[in-house]
Amino acid sequence: MSTPRVFFSDLKSGKCSSAVEAWLLRFWEAKNVKRGGELMWADMLLIDVNVSLFDIT
């Protein structure tokens, strides 16, 4: 059984068990070199696949 698609516009605040389909445009991670490269945080730039950014004719 497949999971139905959920887009960013469908999300509500609070707990959610749904998955969102998105394009990952950029990914940055910050590591603490003084602690053996421990990951401190990760930033991601995501685009909803339901949104059209280009007028393709």
C-alpha atoms as a PDB file:
ATOM      1  CA  MET A   1       0.000   0.000   0.000  1.00  0.00           C
ATOM      2  CA  SER A   2       1.521   3.327  -1.050  1.00  0.00           C
ATOM      3  CA  THR A   3       1.546   6.469   1.065  1.00  0.00           C
ATOM      4  CA  PRO A   4      -0.569   9.330  -0.354  1.00  0.00           C
ATOM      5  CA  ARG A   5       1.363  12.456  -1.351  1.00  0.00           C
ATOM      6  CA  VAL A   6       1.373  15.347   1.110  1.00  0.00           C
ATOM      7  CA  PHE A   7       2.626  18.801   0.105  1.00  0.00           C
ATOM      8  CA  PHE A   8       3.932  21.668   2.257  1.00  0.00           C
ATOM      9  CA  SER A   9       0.637  23.535   1.789  1.00  0.00           C
ATOM     10  CA  ASP A  10      -1.230  20.561   3.311  1.00  0.00           C
ATOM     11  CA  LEU A  11       0.775  20.539   6.552  1.00  0.00           C
ATOM     12  CA  LYS A  12      -0.653  21.736   9.858  1.00  0.00           C
ATOM     13  CA  SER A  13       1.273  22.559  13.027  1.00  0.00           C
ATOM     14  CA  GLY A  14       1.654  19.794  15.580  1.00  0.00           C
ATOM     15  CA  LYS A  15       2.543  16.119  15.334  1.00  0.00           C
ATOM     16  CA  CYS A  16       2.343  14.555  11.892  1.00  0.00           C
ATOM     17  CA  SER A  17       2.959  11.043  10.611  1.00  0.00           C
ATOM     18  CA  SER A  18       2.843  11.980   6.906  1.00  0.00           C
ATOM     19  CA  ALA A  19       5.755  12.229   4.497  1.00  0.00           C
ATOM     20  CA  VAL A  20       6.333  15.284   2.301  1.00  0.00           C
ATOM     21  CA  GLU A  21       7.713  15.106  -1.237  1.00  0.00           C
ATOM     22  CA  ALA A  22      10.250  17.867  -1.885  1.00  0.00           C
ATOM     23  CA  TRP A  23      13.346  18.705  -3.887  1.00  0.00           C
ATOM     24  CA  LEU A  24      16.508  19.209  -1.854  1.00  0.00           C
ATOM     25  CA  LEU A  25      18.278  22.218  -3.393  1.00  0.00           C
ATOM     26  CA  ARG A  26      21.046  22.811  -0.862  1.00  0.00           C
ATOM     27  CA  PHE A  27      22.331  21.069   2.263  1.00  0.00           C
ATOM     28  CA  TRP A  28      24.736  22.579   4.790  1.00  0.00           C
ATOM     29  CA  GLU A  29      25.979  20.953   7.959  1.00  0.00           C
ATOM     30  CA  ALA A  30      28.005  22.441  10.793  1.00  0.00           C
ATOM     31  CA  LYS A  31      30.426  20.194  12.629  1.00  0.00           C
ATOM     32  CA  ASN A  32      32.354  20.867  15.827  1.00  0.00           C
ATOM     33  CA  VAL A  33      35.997  20.098  15.011  1.00  0.00           C
ATOM     34  CA  LYS A  34      36.939  20.352  18.705  1.00  0.00           C
ATOM     35  CA  ARG A  35      34.658  17.384  19.460  1.00  0.00           C
ATOM     36  CA  GLY A  36      35.823  15.022  16.745  1.00  0.00           C
ATOM     37  CA  GLY A  37      33.555  16.357  14.005  1.00  0.00           C
ATOM     38  CA  GLU A  38      30.326  16.050  16.028  1.00  0.00           C
ATOM     39  CA  LEU A  39      27.344  17.330  14.019  1.00  0.00           C
ATOM     40  CA  MET A  40      25.968  20.526  15.597  1.00  0.00           C
ATOM     41  CA  TRP A  41      23.180  21.267  13.087  1.00  0.00           C
ATOM     42  CA  ALA A  42      22.078  20.850   9.486  1.00  0.00           C
ATOM     43  CA  ASP A  43      20.303  23.407   7.287  1.00  0.00           C
ATOM     44  CA  MET A  44      18.320  22.354   4.225  1.00  0.00           C
ATOM     45  CA  LEU A  45      16.715  24.392   1.454  1.00  0.00           C
ATOM     46  CA  LEU A  46      13.664  22.482   0.192  1.00  0.00           C
ATOM     47  CA  ILE A  47      11.176  23.221  -2.602  1.00  0.00           C
ATOM     48  CA  ASP A  48       7.679  21.725  -2.694  1.00  0.00           C
ATOM     49  CA  VAL A  49       7.372  19.559  -5.829  1.00  0.00           C
ATOM     50  CA  ASN A  50       3.808  20.859  -6.216  1.00  0.00           C
ATOM     51  CA  VAL A  51       5.066  24.413  -6.918  1.00  0.00           C
ATOM     52  CA  SER A  52       6.038  25.441 -10.441  1.00  0.00           C
ATOM     53  CA  LEU A  53       8.913  27.942 -10.500  1.00  0.00           C
ATOM     54  CA  PHE A  54       9.313  28.130 -14.269  1.00  0.00           C
ATOM     55  CA  ASP A  55       6.874  28.984 -17.034  1.00  0.00           C
ATOM     56  CA  ILE A  56       7.592  26.159 -19.466  1.00  0.00           C
ATOM     57  CA  THR A  57       5.906  26.560 -22.842  1.00  0.00           C
END
